[in-house]
Protein backbone atom coordinates (compact mmCIF):
# COMPACT_ATOMS: atom_id res chain seq x y z
CA MET A 1 34.14 -27.77 -0.48
CA VAL A 2 36.06 -27.25 2.92
CA ARG A 3 34.46 -25.18 6.03
CA ALA A 4 36.22 -23.69 8.90
CA GLY A 5 33.68 -23.34 11.75
CA GLN A 6 33.55 -20.27 14.09
CA VAL A 7 33.56 -20.58 18.00
CA SER A 8 33.02 -18.51 20.86
CA GLY A 9 35.69 -16.29 21.66
CA ASP A 10 37.92 -14.41 18.92
CA GLU A 11 35.92 -14.84 15.96
CA SER A 12 38.98 -14.35 13.75
CA LEU A 13 40.48 -17.39 14.68
CA PRO A 14 39.54 -20.94 14.03
CA GLY A 15 39.04 -22.99 17.22
CA GLY A 16 38.28 -26.77 18.00
CA ARG A 17 39.83 -29.76 16.62
CA LEU A 18 40.95 -29.24 12.63
CA THR A 19 38.16 -32.34 11.80
CA ASP A 20 35.66 -30.45 13.09
CA HIS A 21 35.77 -27.88 10.28
CA ILE A 22 35.66 -30.48 7.39
CA GLU A 23 32.83 -30.74 5.06
CA LEU A 24 32.42 -31.96 1.40
CA GLY A 25 30.48 -28.89 0.67
CA VAL A 26 28.96 -29.85 -2.92
CA LEU A 27 28.23 -33.46 -1.75
CA ALA A 28 26.88 -31.86 1.90
CA ARG A 29 23.24 -31.19 0.77
CA ALA A 30 23.21 -35.06 -0.10
CA PHE A 31 24.26 -36.15 3.26
CA PRO A 32 23.46 -33.56 5.80
CA ARG A 33 24.77 -33.35 9.18
CA ASP A 34 21.64 -34.24 10.91
CA LEU A 35 21.22 -37.46 9.08
CA LEU A 36 24.75 -38.49 9.82
CA GLU A 37 23.94 -37.86 13.16
CA GLU A 38 20.98 -39.86 13.14
CA VAL A 39 22.93 -42.74 11.23
CA LEU A 40 25.10 -42.84 13.94
CA ASP A 41 22.78 -43.00 16.88
CA VAL A 42 20.98 -45.86 14.90
CA THR A 43 23.78 -47.82 14.71
CA GLY A 44 25.13 -47.34 17.86
CA ARG A 45 28.67 -46.08 16.77
CA ARG A 46 28.41 -42.64 17.82
CA GLU A 47 31.88 -42.21 19.80
CA LYS A 48 31.99 -42.22 23.81
CA ARG A 49 34.55 -39.64 24.33
CA VAL A 50 35.96 -36.93 22.30
CA ARG A 51 38.25 -37.80 19.51
CA ARG A 52 40.44 -35.99 17.00
CA LEU A 53 38.50 -37.85 14.23
CA PRO A 54 35.11 -38.04 15.47
CA ALA A 55 32.54 -40.40 13.90
CA HIS A 56 30.51 -37.79 11.65
CA VAL A 57 33.70 -36.82 10.01
CA MET A 58 34.76 -40.59 9.22
CA ILE A 59 31.60 -40.75 7.56
CA ARG A 60 32.57 -37.93 5.39
CA TYR A 61 36.18 -39.26 4.95
CA VAL A 62 34.98 -42.33 3.38
CA ILE A 63 32.80 -40.59 1.03
CA ALA A 64 35.78 -38.62 0.29
CA GLN A 65 37.92 -41.64 -0.26
CA GLY A 66 35.33 -42.54 -2.82
CA LEU A 67 35.46 -39.14 -4.50
CA PHE A 68 39.54 -39.15 -4.44
CA PHE A 69 40.03 -43.15 -4.81
CA GLY A 70 43.36 -42.84 -6.27
CA SER A 71 44.90 -41.17 -3.48
CA GLY A 72 46.48 -42.15 -0.04
CA SER A 73 44.91 -41.94 3.32
CA GLU A 74 46.50 -38.65 4.56
CA GLU A 75 46.37 -37.32 1.07
CA VAL A 76 42.41 -37.62 1.02
CA MET A 77 42.49 -35.74 4.14
CA ARG A 78 45.01 -33.37 3.05
CA GLN A 79 42.55 -32.68 -0.05
CA LEU A 80 39.85 -31.57 2.46
CA VAL A 81 41.54 -29.17 4.30
CA GLY A 82 44.45 -27.65 2.33
CA SER A 83 42.81 -24.39 1.80
CA LEU A 84 42.34 -23.63 5.23
CA ARG A 85 45.82 -22.07 5.61
CA HIS A 86 45.50 -19.92 2.67
CA LEU A 87 42.26 -18.51 3.68
CA GLY A 88 43.94 -17.87 7.14
CA SER A 89 41.70 -20.38 8.78
CA TRP A 90 44.36 -22.86 9.93
CA SER A 91 45.65 -23.10 13.59
CA ASP A 92 49.08 -23.85 14.38
CA ASP A 93 48.42 -26.56 16.25
CA TRP A 94 46.30 -28.40 14.30
CA GLN A 95 47.71 -31.40 12.33
CA VAL A 96 46.43 -33.82 9.68
CA PRO A 97 45.90 -37.16 11.00
CA SER A 98 48.13 -40.29 10.62
CA THR A 99 47.48 -42.90 8.18
CA SER A 100 47.37 -45.37 11.23
CA ALA A 101 44.93 -43.01 12.78
CA ILE A 102 42.74 -43.02 10.04
CA ALA A 103 42.90 -46.45 9.57
CA GLN A 104 42.02 -47.24 13.46
CA THR A 105 39.12 -44.84 13.45
CA ARG A 106 37.54 -46.36 10.08
CA ALA A 107 37.70 -49.74 11.81
CA ARG A 108 35.92 -48.26 14.67
CA LEU A 109 33.26 -46.75 12.67
CA GLY A 110 32.82 -50.10 10.90
CA ALA A 111 30.73 -50.79 7.55
CA GLU A 112 27.44 -50.19 8.93
CA PRO A 113 26.72 -46.57 9.07
CA LEU A 114 27.47 -46.25 5.70
CA ARG A 115 25.24 -49.09 5.04
CA GLU A 116 22.39 -46.96 6.83
CA LEU A 117 23.37 -43.71 5.36
CA PHE A 118 23.04 -44.97 1.75
CA ARG A 119 19.62 -46.57 2.70
CA ARG A 120 18.56 -43.49 3.90
CA ALA A 121 19.81 -40.93 1.76
CA ALA A 122 19.68 -42.49 -1.65
CA VAL A 123 16.25 -41.76 -2.71
CA PRO A 124 14.93 -41.59 -6.21
CA VAL A 125 16.51 -38.37 -7.83
CA ALA A 126 14.58 -37.73 -10.91
CA GLY A 127 11.26 -35.06 -10.78
CA TYR A 128 8.47 -35.32 -12.73
CA GLY A 129 10.16 -33.26 -15.54
CA THR A 130 13.26 -34.94 -15.84
CA LYS A 131 13.52 -36.10 -19.23
CA GLY A 132 14.06 -39.26 -20.22
CA ALA A 133 13.28 -40.70 -16.73
CA TRP A 134 9.81 -41.66 -16.84
CA LEU A 135 7.45 -43.73 -18.96
CA ALA A 136 3.43 -43.61 -18.58
CA GLY A 137 4.24 -42.23 -15.31
CA LEU A 138 6.46 -45.12 -14.06
CA ARG A 139 10.06 -44.19 -13.27
CA LEU A 140 12.47 -46.31 -15.12
CA MET A 141 14.50 -48.87 -12.84
CA SER A 142 16.65 -51.47 -13.86
CA ILE A 143 18.86 -54.15 -11.81
CA ASP A 144 22.20 -55.20 -12.94
CA GLY A 145 25.66 -56.79 -11.69
CA THR A 146 29.59 -56.33 -11.44
CA GLY A 147 32.72 -57.37 -10.09
CA LEU A 148 34.98 -55.37 -8.06
CA ASP A 149 38.69 -57.07 -7.34
CA VAL A 150 39.57 -56.54 -3.78
CA ALA A 151 42.82 -56.35 -1.55
CA ASP A 152 44.82 -59.80 -1.80
CA THR A 153 44.15 -60.82 1.97
CA GLU A 154 43.75 -63.97 3.69
CA ALA A 155 40.37 -62.27 5.22
CA ASN A 156 38.95 -61.32 1.60
CA VAL A 157 39.81 -64.46 -0.06
CA ALA A 158 37.68 -66.45 2.52
CA ALA A 159 35.01 -63.79 2.14
CA PHE A 160 34.57 -63.22 -1.14
CA GLY A 161 36.67 -66.09 -2.81
CA ARG A 162 38.49 -66.21 -6.13
CA MET A 163 37.14 -66.49 -9.83
CA SER A 164 38.05 -70.06 -10.79
CA THR A 165 40.49 -72.26 -8.87
CA GLY A 166 44.24 -73.46 -9.36
CA PRO A 167 46.44 -71.77 -12.03
CA LYS A 168 43.35 -70.22 -13.82
CA ALA A 169 42.16 -68.44 -10.51
CA SER A 170 41.78 -64.82 -10.38
CA ALA A 171 44.68 -62.60 -9.17
CA PHE A 172 42.59 -60.89 -6.46
CA PRO A 173 39.57 -61.86 -4.47
CA LYS A 174 36.47 -60.42 -6.33
CA VAL A 175 33.18 -58.85 -4.42
CA HIS A 176 30.07 -59.37 -6.64
CA LEU A 177 27.81 -56.40 -6.61
CA VAL A 178 24.32 -55.87 -7.41
CA THR A 179 22.57 -52.67 -7.84
CA LEU A 180 19.14 -50.95 -8.50
CA SER A 181 19.68 -47.97 -10.74
CA GLU A 182 17.57 -45.09 -11.71
CA CYS A 183 17.82 -45.16 -15.69
CA GLY A 184 17.22 -41.51 -16.21
CA THR A 185 19.58 -40.22 -14.24
CA HIS A 186 22.00 -43.20 -13.28
CA ALA A 187 21.19 -42.99 -9.68
CA VAL A 188 22.05 -46.21 -7.49
CA LEU A 189 19.41 -46.72 -5.09
CA ALA A 190 20.31 -49.81 -3.84
CA ALA A 191 23.00 -52.26 -3.46
CA GLU A 192 23.93 -55.79 -2.38
CA ALA A 193 27.18 -57.41 -2.13
CA GLY A 194 28.69 -60.59 -1.77
CA GLY A 195 31.24 -63.37 -2.75
CA CYS A 196 32.46 -63.75 -6.42
CA ARG A 197 30.44 -67.06 -6.47
CA THR A 198 27.14 -65.61 -5.28
CA GLY A 199 24.43 -65.63 -7.80
CA GLU A 200 22.79 -62.42 -9.20
CA ARG A 201 19.25 -63.56 -8.50
CA THR A 202 20.47 -64.24 -4.90
CA LEU A 203 21.76 -60.82 -4.55
CA ALA A 204 18.73 -59.12 -6.48
CA ALA A 205 16.26 -60.45 -3.67
CA GLY A 206 17.95 -58.25 -1.42
CA LEU A 207 16.74 -54.92 -3.46
CA LEU A 208 13.33 -56.06 -3.38
CA ASP A 209 12.22 -54.09 -0.69
CA ALA A 210 13.37 -50.52 -2.51
CA LEU A 211 11.17 -50.94 -4.91
CA GLU A 212 8.05 -48.56 -4.85
CA PRO A 213 4.83 -48.65 -6.72
CA ASP A 214 5.57 -45.81 -9.14
CA MET A 215 8.61 -47.79 -10.78
CA LEU A 216 8.56 -50.02 -13.94
CA LEU A 217 11.59 -52.54 -13.07
CA LEU A 218 13.66 -53.54 -16.46
CA ALA A 219 15.65 -56.51 -15.81
CA ASP A 220 18.00 -58.91 -18.50
CA ALA A 221 17.31 -62.63 -18.92
CA GLY A 222 20.11 -63.55 -16.21
CA PHE A 223 17.84 -61.92 -13.37
CA TYR A 224 14.77 -64.26 -14.27
CA SER A 225 13.56 -66.74 -12.02
CA TRP A 226 9.93 -67.72 -10.85
CA GLN A 227 10.53 -67.07 -7.45
CA LEU A 228 12.21 -63.81 -7.94
CA TRP A 229 9.51 -62.46 -10.50
CA HIS A 230 7.11 -63.73 -8.03
CA ASP A 231 8.31 -62.04 -5.24
CA ALA A 232 9.00 -58.61 -6.93
CA THR A 233 5.61 -57.37 -6.48
CA GLY A 234 6.27 -53.73 -5.15
CA ALA A 235 6.77 -52.35 -8.86
CA ALA A 236 5.70 -52.87 -12.18
CA LEU A 237 7.98 -55.24 -14.11
CA ALA A 238 9.28 -55.44 -17.81
CA TRP A 239 11.78 -58.30 -18.08
CA ARG A 240 13.58 -60.42 -20.67
CA ILE A 241 13.19 -63.90 -20.48
CA GLY A 242 15.32 -66.64 -22.31
CA ALA A 243 14.32 -69.60 -24.42
CA SER A 244 14.14 -72.06 -22.05
CA VAL A 245 11.50 -70.27 -20.24
CA SER A 246 7.57 -71.90 -21.11
CA LEU A 247 5.22 -69.21 -21.99
CA PRO A 248 2.31 -70.67 -23.92
CA LEU A 249 -0.24 -68.19 -25.72
CA VAL A 250 -3.25 -67.14 -24.04
CA ARG A 251 -4.65 -64.24 -26.19
CA ALA A 252 -2.97 -62.32 -28.97
CA LEU A 253 -3.71 -58.34 -28.40
CA PRO A 254 -4.11 -55.76 -31.11
CA ASP A 255 -0.76 -53.89 -30.59
CA GLY A 256 1.05 -57.01 -31.39
CA SER A 257 1.77 -58.13 -27.85
CA TYR A 258 0.21 -61.18 -26.61
CA LEU A 259 -1.10 -62.66 -23.21
CA GLY A 260 0.64 -65.78 -22.04
CA LEU A 261 0.98 -68.09 -18.75
CA LEU A 262 3.80 -68.32 -16.89
CA PHE A 263 4.25 -71.29 -14.77
CA ASP A 264 6.33 -72.21 -11.43
CA PRO A 265 8.72 -74.97 -12.57
CA SER A 266 7.50 -77.41 -10.07
CA VAL A 267 4.01 -77.48 -11.68
CA LYS A 268 3.79 -81.00 -13.81
CA THR A 269 2.72 -80.69 -17.21
CA ALA A 270 -0.97 -82.10 -16.96
CA ARG A 271 -1.56 -79.24 -14.55
CA ARG A 272 0.02 -76.99 -16.69
CA GLN A 273 -2.62 -77.75 -19.32
CA VAL A 274 -5.40 -77.17 -16.89
CA LEU A 275 -4.30 -73.91 -15.89
CA LEU A 276 -4.11 -72.80 -19.63
CA THR A 277 -7.12 -74.00 -20.50
CA ALA A 278 -8.78 -72.03 -17.72
CA ALA A 279 -6.97 -68.75 -18.56
CA ARG A 280 -8.01 -68.81 -22.03
CA ALA A 281 -11.59 -69.16 -20.90
CA GLY A 282 -10.96 -66.19 -19.30
CA GLN A 283 -10.75 -67.95 -15.85
CA GLU A 284 -8.55 -66.98 -12.95
CA VAL A 285 -5.30 -69.10 -12.14
CA PRO A 286 -3.89 -69.68 -8.69
CA GLY A 287 -1.01 -67.16 -8.17
CA LYS A 288 1.21 -69.83 -6.58
CA GLN A 289 1.31 -71.68 -9.85
CA ALA A 290 0.88 -69.76 -12.79
CA GLN A 291 0.48 -65.85 -13.75
CA LEU A 292 -0.94 -64.23 -16.63
CA VAL A 293 1.67 -61.67 -18.42
CA ARG A 294 1.96 -59.66 -21.23
CA ALA A 295 4.98 -60.55 -23.69
CA VAL A 296 6.49 -58.32 -26.46
CA GLU A 297 8.70 -59.90 -28.95
CA PHE A 298 11.05 -57.76 -31.05
CA THR A 299 14.26 -58.12 -33.19
CA VAL A 300 17.53 -56.33 -32.14
CA PRO A 301 19.28 -55.35 -35.11
CA ASP A 302 23.01 -55.92 -35.84
CA ARG A 303 23.62 -57.96 -32.80
CA ASN A 304 23.91 -61.18 -35.34
CA PRO A 305 23.14 -61.57 -39.11
CA ASP A 306 19.60 -62.46 -38.46
CA GLY A 307 19.20 -60.24 -35.45
CA GLU A 308 18.65 -60.84 -31.97
CA LEU A 309 15.07 -62.17 -30.97
CA VAL A 310 14.08 -60.51 -27.33
CA CYS A 311 11.06 -61.79 -25.42
CA LEU A 312 9.97 -59.07 -23.09
CA ILE A 313 7.16 -60.01 -20.26
CA THR A 314 5.25 -57.45 -18.24
CA THR A 315 2.93 -57.35 -15.29
CA ILE A 316 1.45 -54.04 -17.46
CA LEU A 317 -1.45 -56.32 -19.20
CA ASP A 318 -3.07 -53.46 -20.73
CA PRO A 319 -1.58 -52.35 -24.04
CA ALA A 320 -3.94 -49.13 -23.82
CA ARG A 321 -1.44 -47.85 -21.05
CA ILE A 322 1.82 -48.73 -22.85
CA SER A 323 2.28 -50.37 -25.98
CA ALA A 324 4.43 -52.99 -27.19
CA THR A 325 6.28 -50.48 -29.07
CA GLU A 326 7.22 -48.18 -26.41
CA LEU A 327 7.85 -51.08 -23.86
CA ALA A 328 10.53 -52.38 -26.64
CA GLY A 329 11.96 -48.74 -26.43
CA ALA A 330 12.15 -48.57 -22.82
CA TYR A 331 14.00 -51.79 -22.24
CA ALA A 332 16.57 -50.05 -24.52
CA GLN A 333 16.78 -47.86 -21.43
CA ARG A 334 18.51 -51.06 -19.32
CA TRP A 335 21.70 -50.34 -21.11
CA GLU A 336 21.91 -47.18 -19.00
CA HIS A 337 22.64 -49.44 -15.91
CA GLU A 338 25.99 -50.24 -17.53
CA SER A 339 27.16 -46.80 -17.80
CA ALA A 340 26.45 -46.27 -14.16
CA LEU A 341 28.32 -49.14 -13.40
CA ASP A 342 31.13 -48.01 -15.53
CA GLU A 343 30.97 -44.53 -13.69
CA ILE A 344 31.74 -46.34 -10.70
CA LYS A 345 34.25 -48.67 -11.64
CA THR A 346 36.12 -46.36 -14.19
CA HIS A 347 35.96 -42.61 -12.99
CA LEU A 348 35.64 -43.04 -9.35
CA ARG A 349 37.69 -46.13 -8.57
CA GLY A 350 39.53 -45.82 -11.96
CA GLY A 351 40.06 -48.55 -14.35
CA GLY A 352 41.70 -51.70 -13.01
CA GLN A 353 41.94 -50.29 -9.56
CA VAL A 354 41.85 -52.74 -6.61
CA LEU A 355 39.75 -51.85 -3.70
CA ARG A 356 42.70 -51.30 -1.07
CA SER A 357 40.68 -52.64 2.28
CA LYS A 358 42.22 -55.80 4.26
CA SER A 359 38.95 -57.11 5.93
CA PRO A 360 35.61 -57.70 4.59
CA ASP A 361 34.12 -55.08 7.02
CA MET A 362 36.37 -52.34 5.26
CA VAL A 363 35.89 -53.86 1.90
CA GLU A 364 31.93 -52.89 2.24
CA GLN A 365 32.69 -49.63 4.16
CA GLU A 366 34.60 -48.79 0.81
CA ILE A 367 32.07 -50.02 -1.59
CA TYR A 368 29.60 -47.49 0.30
CA GLY A 369 31.78 -44.57 0.10
CA LEU A 370 32.13 -45.34 -3.68
CA LEU A 371 28.19 -45.68 -3.89
CA LEU A 372 27.74 -42.53 -1.92
CA ALA A 373 30.26 -40.65 -3.79
CA HIS A 374 28.60 -41.72 -7.32
CA TYR A 375 24.83 -40.85 -5.78
CA GLY A 376 25.90 -37.61 -4.42
CA VAL A 377 27.50 -36.74 -8.12
CA ARG A 378 24.38 -37.88 -9.98
CA GLU A 379 21.92 -36.00 -7.42
CA LEU A 380 23.85 -32.57 -8.24
CA MET A 381 23.77 -33.58 -11.94
CA CYS A 382 19.99 -34.22 -12.07
CA HIS A 383 19.39 -30.85 -10.60
CA ALA A 384 21.66 -29.10 -13.30
CA ALA A 385 20.20 -30.71 -15.80
CA ASP A 386 16.79 -30.04 -14.76
CA GLU A 387 17.43 -26.42 -14.20
CA ALA A 388 18.64 -26.02 -17.70
CA GLY A 389 15.84 -28.34 -19.30
CA HIS A 390 18.36 -30.95 -20.55
CA ASP A 391 18.30 -34.95 -20.43
CA PRO A 392 21.18 -35.81 -17.47
CA ASP A 393 22.58 -38.43 -20.05
CA ARG A 394 23.72 -34.92 -22.12
CA LEU A 395 25.99 -34.04 -18.83
CA SER A 396 29.71 -35.67 -18.94
CA PHE A 397 30.09 -37.79 -15.28
CA ALA A 398 33.67 -37.40 -15.70
CA ARG A 399 33.63 -33.78 -16.23
CA SER A 400 31.00 -33.50 -13.46
CA VAL A 401 33.45 -35.51 -10.84
CA ARG A 402 36.18 -33.21 -12.03
CA VAL A 403 34.40 -30.14 -10.76
CA VAL A 404 32.98 -31.69 -7.76
CA ARG A 405 36.99 -32.49 -6.99
CA ARG A 406 37.73 -29.01 -7.60
CA GLN A 407 35.03 -27.73 -5.30
CA VAL A 408 36.33 -29.68 -2.41
CA THR A 409 39.59 -28.68 -2.59
CA ASP A 410 39.54 -25.28 -3.67
CA GLN A 411 37.00 -23.39 -1.66
CA ALA A 412 36.41 -22.74 1.94
CA ALA A 413 33.90 -20.56 3.86
CA PHE A 414 32.71 -19.79 7.24
CA PRO A 415 29.24 -21.40 7.84
CA PRO A 416 26.63 -19.00 8.95
């Protein structure tokens, strides 16, 4: 939504700079002006002199770019302010800033304010009544990764690299993005980006600070390592492990799951046997060498002729809290993360589209603009679903984006 502000003097006419009156109305609730000002103060990016495009406006503009990804720089600005003249809120001396002016102001702003805004604004969305978001009082979360093509410049190639080399090299440099997502709402709450050859586990380590005690974090086998599992202490965990991970039986449990002993890979075979014997006798084992976990094994049908065997390990040792059947069902919610990434890559960015920024800092800024736009839409969808008593998954993300875009371009009002 575009809003035209009133100023002192003749209240029937707009005043000040055109950009003083720009707001992403339906998304402004997620990113209020006071929060933008705090972010600019913390990051030291507040402008030192009056400019036609102040820093707080450029933050909103970058989010708008994420919402209108396929549009050019000036067109995004026009979409934000196009309804002002129709409503009699246009001053003849206002001009839409040029592409060059917008690019220069984006560069001055940098990526840090967008990163900080995302860190502060992207908080858990699901309420206790949100359908499909909780299991036994724990908020279902997941981690997953994806790749994004970026503009083919020397700076981007140096920073992010290409997949493969020589004649088989990817046409564009590629960013590797790993995110922490709320399964029930698809809201992304934390993100780490790096070069295309940066491992998922390396990037996932940067997400651990966002974990909270009321969360149950789901992850696929590709994310498991002793170190990452050992460091992810901020939440309950339920991760798949591969066949190469040793997990000897300690004790069978009545719900069909069992307690097993997870080892630091550096522990020698003889020492493992000593630790296993102690665990089976009910003794504590040193946490730096081994950890008692609960394992749930189940088969996923239709993945191959014999079904696919999944081994899920969890820090929730008591079957009375969450049964093996409930854990297996919860793990299926991890696939919701892939849907969230598809929403960003297909419905916001557009299938096959390339991030336009030509420098690594601007690429990062652009990525956070996309993430903030996605979060704002998903927050609105969750509130709408909660009020109607529906699961947020029943609402169409693509349709919601179209509604938000219409709100941005079609509405304007004088603020109170």
